[in-house]
N, C-alpha and C. Protein backbone atom coordinates (compact mmCIF):
# COMPACT_ATOMS: atom_id res chain seq x y z
N UNK A 1 -185.54 33.54 -136.79
CA UNK A 1 -184.80 32.94 -137.89
C UNK A 1 -184.99 33.79 -139.14
N UNK A 2 -183.93 34.14 -139.79
CA UNK A 2 -183.97 34.93 -141.02
C UNK A 2 -183.98 33.98 -142.21
N UNK A 3 -184.97 34.14 -143.09
CA UNK A 3 -185.16 33.19 -144.18
C UNK A 3 -184.64 33.67 -145.52
N UNK A 4 -184.08 34.85 -145.61
CA UNK A 4 -183.53 35.29 -146.88
C UNK A 4 -183.82 36.74 -147.19
N UNK A 5 -183.32 37.19 -148.31
CA UNK A 5 -183.46 38.59 -148.75
C UNK A 5 -184.93 38.97 -148.92
N UNK A 6 -185.32 40.06 -148.32
CA UNK A 6 -186.66 40.64 -148.44
C UNK A 6 -187.76 39.75 -147.85
N UNK A 7 -187.41 38.83 -146.99
CA UNK A 7 -188.39 37.97 -146.33
C UNK A 7 -188.96 38.73 -145.13
N UNK A 8 -190.29 38.78 -144.99
CA UNK A 8 -190.87 39.54 -143.86
C UNK A 8 -190.53 38.92 -142.52
N UNK A 9 -190.01 39.73 -141.63
CA UNK A 9 -189.65 39.27 -140.30
C UNK A 9 -190.86 39.32 -139.38
N UNK A 10 -191.72 40.34 -139.58
CA UNK A 10 -192.95 40.47 -138.79
C UNK A 10 -194.13 39.90 -139.59
N UNK A 11 -195.12 39.39 -138.88
CA UNK A 11 -196.32 38.94 -139.58
C UNK A 11 -197.16 40.15 -139.98
N UNK A 12 -198.23 39.93 -140.74
CA UNK A 12 -199.05 41.02 -141.26
C UNK A 12 -199.62 41.90 -140.15
N UNK A 13 -200.12 41.29 -139.10
CA UNK A 13 -200.70 42.05 -137.99
C UNK A 13 -199.66 42.97 -137.35
N UNK A 14 -198.46 42.45 -137.12
CA UNK A 14 -197.39 43.26 -136.53
C UNK A 14 -196.97 44.41 -137.45
N UNK A 15 -196.90 44.14 -138.76
CA UNK A 15 -196.52 45.19 -139.70
C UNK A 15 -197.57 46.30 -139.74
N UNK A 16 -198.86 45.92 -139.75
CA UNK A 16 -199.93 46.92 -139.77
C UNK A 16 -199.86 47.79 -138.51
N UNK A 17 -199.69 47.17 -137.36
CA UNK A 17 -199.60 47.95 -136.12
C UNK A 17 -198.39 48.87 -136.12
N UNK A 18 -197.28 48.42 -136.67
CA UNK A 18 -196.08 49.26 -136.73
C UNK A 18 -196.30 50.47 -137.63
N UNK A 19 -196.95 50.26 -138.76
CA UNK A 19 -197.20 51.38 -139.67
C UNK A 19 -198.21 52.34 -139.06
N UNK A 20 -199.24 51.82 -138.43
CA UNK A 20 -200.25 52.69 -137.80
C UNK A 20 -199.67 53.50 -136.65
N UNK A 21 -198.56 53.03 -136.07
CA UNK A 21 -197.92 53.77 -134.98
C UNK A 21 -197.24 55.05 -135.47
N UNK A 22 -197.00 55.15 -136.78
CA UNK A 22 -196.41 56.37 -137.33
C UNK A 22 -197.45 57.48 -137.29
N UNK A 23 -197.07 58.63 -136.81
CA UNK A 23 -198.04 59.71 -136.60
C UNK A 23 -198.62 60.25 -137.90
N UNK A 24 -197.96 60.05 -139.02
CA UNK A 24 -198.45 60.58 -140.29
C UNK A 24 -199.37 59.61 -141.02
N UNK A 25 -199.56 58.42 -140.49
CA UNK A 25 -200.39 57.39 -141.13
C UNK A 25 -201.78 57.41 -140.52
N UNK A 26 -202.80 57.51 -141.38
CA UNK A 26 -204.17 57.52 -140.89
C UNK A 26 -204.89 56.22 -141.21
N UNK A 27 -204.40 55.46 -142.18
CA UNK A 27 -205.07 54.24 -142.58
C UNK A 27 -204.08 53.31 -143.26
N UNK A 28 -204.26 52.00 -143.10
CA UNK A 28 -203.46 51.00 -143.78
C UNK A 28 -204.41 50.15 -144.62
N UNK A 29 -204.10 50.00 -145.89
CA UNK A 29 -204.94 49.22 -146.81
C UNK A 29 -204.31 47.85 -146.96
N UNK A 30 -204.95 46.84 -146.41
CA UNK A 30 -204.46 45.47 -146.51
C UNK A 30 -204.96 44.88 -147.82
N UNK A 31 -204.07 44.27 -148.58
CA UNK A 31 -204.45 43.66 -149.85
C UNK A 31 -204.51 44.66 -151.00
N UNK A 32 -203.85 45.79 -150.85
CA UNK A 32 -203.83 46.79 -151.92
C UNK A 32 -203.07 46.23 -153.12
N UNK A 33 -203.43 46.65 -154.33
CA UNK A 33 -202.70 46.18 -155.51
C UNK A 33 -201.26 46.70 -155.49
N UNK A 34 -200.38 46.00 -156.18
CA UNK A 34 -198.97 46.37 -156.19
C UNK A 34 -198.74 47.69 -156.90
N UNK A 35 -199.42 47.91 -158.01
CA UNK A 35 -199.27 49.15 -158.77
C UNK A 35 -200.22 50.21 -158.23
N UNK A 36 -199.71 51.43 -158.08
CA UNK A 36 -200.50 52.54 -157.57
C UNK A 36 -200.98 53.36 -158.77
N UNK A 37 -202.31 53.36 -159.00
CA UNK A 37 -202.84 54.11 -160.13
C UNK A 37 -203.79 55.21 -159.65
N UNK A 38 -204.31 55.97 -160.59
CA UNK A 38 -205.18 57.11 -160.27
C UNK A 38 -206.43 56.67 -159.52
N UNK A 39 -207.05 55.57 -159.95
CA UNK A 39 -208.28 55.09 -159.30
C UNK A 39 -208.03 54.76 -157.83
N UNK A 40 -206.93 54.10 -157.53
CA UNK A 40 -206.59 53.76 -156.16
C UNK A 40 -206.35 55.02 -155.33
N UNK A 41 -205.61 55.97 -155.89
CA UNK A 41 -205.30 57.19 -155.15
C UNK A 41 -206.55 58.03 -154.92
N UNK A 42 -207.44 58.07 -155.90
CA UNK A 42 -208.69 58.82 -155.73
C UNK A 42 -209.61 58.15 -154.72
N UNK A 43 -209.71 56.82 -154.79
CA UNK A 43 -210.61 56.09 -153.89
C UNK A 43 -210.22 56.27 -152.42
N UNK A 44 -208.93 56.17 -152.13
CA UNK A 44 -208.46 56.27 -150.75
C UNK A 44 -207.99 57.67 -150.37
N UNK A 45 -208.13 58.63 -151.29
CA UNK A 45 -207.71 60.02 -151.05
C UNK A 45 -206.24 60.08 -150.59
N UNK A 46 -205.38 59.44 -151.37
CA UNK A 46 -203.96 59.34 -151.04
C UNK A 46 -203.26 60.67 -151.30
N UNK A 47 -202.54 61.16 -150.29
CA UNK A 47 -201.77 62.40 -150.42
C UNK A 47 -200.29 62.13 -150.68
N UNK A 48 -199.82 60.98 -150.21
CA UNK A 48 -198.39 60.70 -150.26
C UNK A 48 -198.18 59.20 -150.41
N UNK A 49 -197.26 58.82 -151.30
CA UNK A 49 -196.89 57.42 -151.49
C UNK A 49 -195.44 57.28 -151.05
N UNK A 50 -195.20 56.40 -150.09
CA UNK A 50 -193.85 56.19 -149.56
C UNK A 50 -193.34 54.80 -149.92
N UNK A 51 -192.04 54.70 -150.11
CA UNK A 51 -191.41 53.40 -150.34
C UNK A 51 -190.12 53.37 -149.56
N UNK A 52 -189.87 52.25 -148.90
CA UNK A 52 -188.66 52.09 -148.10
C UNK A 52 -187.43 51.91 -148.95
N UNK A 53 -186.35 51.48 -148.33
CA UNK A 53 -185.07 51.39 -149.03
C UNK A 53 -184.81 50.02 -149.66
N UNK A 54 -185.86 49.28 -150.00
CA UNK A 54 -185.71 48.03 -150.74
C UNK A 54 -185.87 48.33 -152.23
N UNK A 55 -185.33 47.47 -153.10
CA UNK A 55 -185.45 47.72 -154.53
C UNK A 55 -186.91 47.71 -154.99
N UNK A 56 -187.24 48.57 -155.95
CA UNK A 56 -188.58 48.60 -156.54
C UNK A 56 -188.61 47.57 -157.66
N UNK A 57 -189.43 46.56 -157.49
CA UNK A 57 -189.56 45.52 -158.50
C UNK A 57 -190.62 45.93 -159.50
N UNK A 58 -190.44 45.63 -160.80
CA UNK A 58 -191.46 45.98 -161.78
C UNK A 58 -192.75 45.20 -161.53
N UNK A 59 -193.86 45.74 -162.02
CA UNK A 59 -195.15 45.06 -161.93
C UNK A 59 -195.12 43.83 -162.83
N UNK A 60 -196.17 43.00 -162.77
CA UNK A 60 -196.21 41.77 -163.56
C UNK A 60 -196.07 42.04 -165.06
N UNK A 61 -196.58 43.18 -165.52
CA UNK A 61 -196.48 43.50 -166.95
C UNK A 61 -195.17 44.20 -167.30
N UNK A 62 -194.27 44.33 -166.33
CA UNK A 62 -192.96 44.94 -166.56
C UNK A 62 -192.93 46.44 -166.37
N UNK A 63 -194.06 47.05 -166.05
CA UNK A 63 -194.12 48.50 -165.88
C UNK A 63 -193.69 48.92 -164.48
N UNK A 64 -193.44 50.20 -164.32
CA UNK A 64 -193.08 50.77 -163.03
C UNK A 64 -194.35 50.90 -162.19
N UNK A 65 -194.42 50.25 -161.02
CA UNK A 65 -195.63 50.32 -160.20
C UNK A 65 -195.90 51.70 -159.63
N UNK A 66 -194.91 52.59 -159.68
CA UNK A 66 -195.08 53.95 -159.15
C UNK A 66 -195.13 54.99 -160.28
N UNK A 67 -195.43 54.58 -161.49
CA UNK A 67 -195.42 55.50 -162.64
C UNK A 67 -196.41 56.64 -162.45
N UNK A 68 -197.64 56.35 -162.06
CA UNK A 68 -198.63 57.42 -161.91
C UNK A 68 -198.26 58.39 -160.78
N UNK A 69 -197.97 57.91 -159.57
CA UNK A 69 -197.60 58.87 -158.52
C UNK A 69 -196.35 59.68 -158.86
N UNK A 70 -195.39 59.07 -159.57
CA UNK A 70 -194.17 59.78 -159.95
C UNK A 70 -194.48 60.91 -160.93
N UNK A 71 -195.56 60.77 -161.70
CA UNK A 71 -195.92 61.81 -162.67
C UNK A 71 -196.50 63.04 -161.99
N UNK A 72 -196.92 62.90 -160.74
CA UNK A 72 -197.45 64.02 -159.97
C UNK A 72 -196.31 64.70 -159.21
N UNK A 73 -196.46 65.94 -158.91
CA UNK A 73 -195.40 66.69 -158.22
C UNK A 73 -195.38 66.33 -156.73
N UNK A 74 -194.26 65.89 -156.26
CA UNK A 74 -193.99 65.58 -154.84
C UNK A 74 -195.02 64.69 -154.16
N UNK A 75 -195.43 63.62 -154.82
CA UNK A 75 -196.36 62.66 -154.21
C UNK A 75 -195.61 61.42 -153.76
N UNK A 76 -194.57 61.02 -154.46
CA UNK A 76 -193.79 59.83 -154.10
C UNK A 76 -192.53 60.25 -153.38
N UNK A 77 -192.25 59.57 -152.27
CA UNK A 77 -191.02 59.80 -151.53
C UNK A 77 -190.40 58.43 -151.22
N UNK A 78 -189.10 58.34 -151.44
CA UNK A 78 -188.36 57.14 -151.09
C UNK A 78 -187.61 57.48 -149.81
N UNK A 79 -187.83 56.66 -148.79
CA UNK A 79 -187.30 56.98 -147.47
C UNK A 79 -186.38 55.89 -146.95
N UNK A 80 -185.62 56.24 -145.93
CA UNK A 80 -184.79 55.26 -145.24
C UNK A 80 -185.59 54.65 -144.09
N UNK A 81 -184.93 54.30 -143.05
CA UNK A 81 -185.56 53.66 -141.89
C UNK A 81 -186.18 54.73 -140.99
N UNK A 82 -187.31 54.39 -140.37
CA UNK A 82 -187.96 55.31 -139.42
C UNK A 82 -189.11 56.04 -140.04
N UNK A 83 -189.90 56.69 -139.18
CA UNK A 83 -191.03 57.48 -139.71
C UNK A 83 -191.28 58.70 -138.84
């Protein structure tokens, strides 16, 4: 049953397994904050930030949640379906 726009069809466990099945993914962080900042990227040694083809919603304070990664050269990629 589809419950509406942007409603998750898979549960958390299924989504994590699907992401881990991508050959370029080495780790999935469950419960990560919505905004990606320098501390988060340094802590997890993030090389690449990906976002699917859904709209990017602003953070609670109205800021762009991808502002820090976008300031770096070729760290953020917006992708379509597939991996």
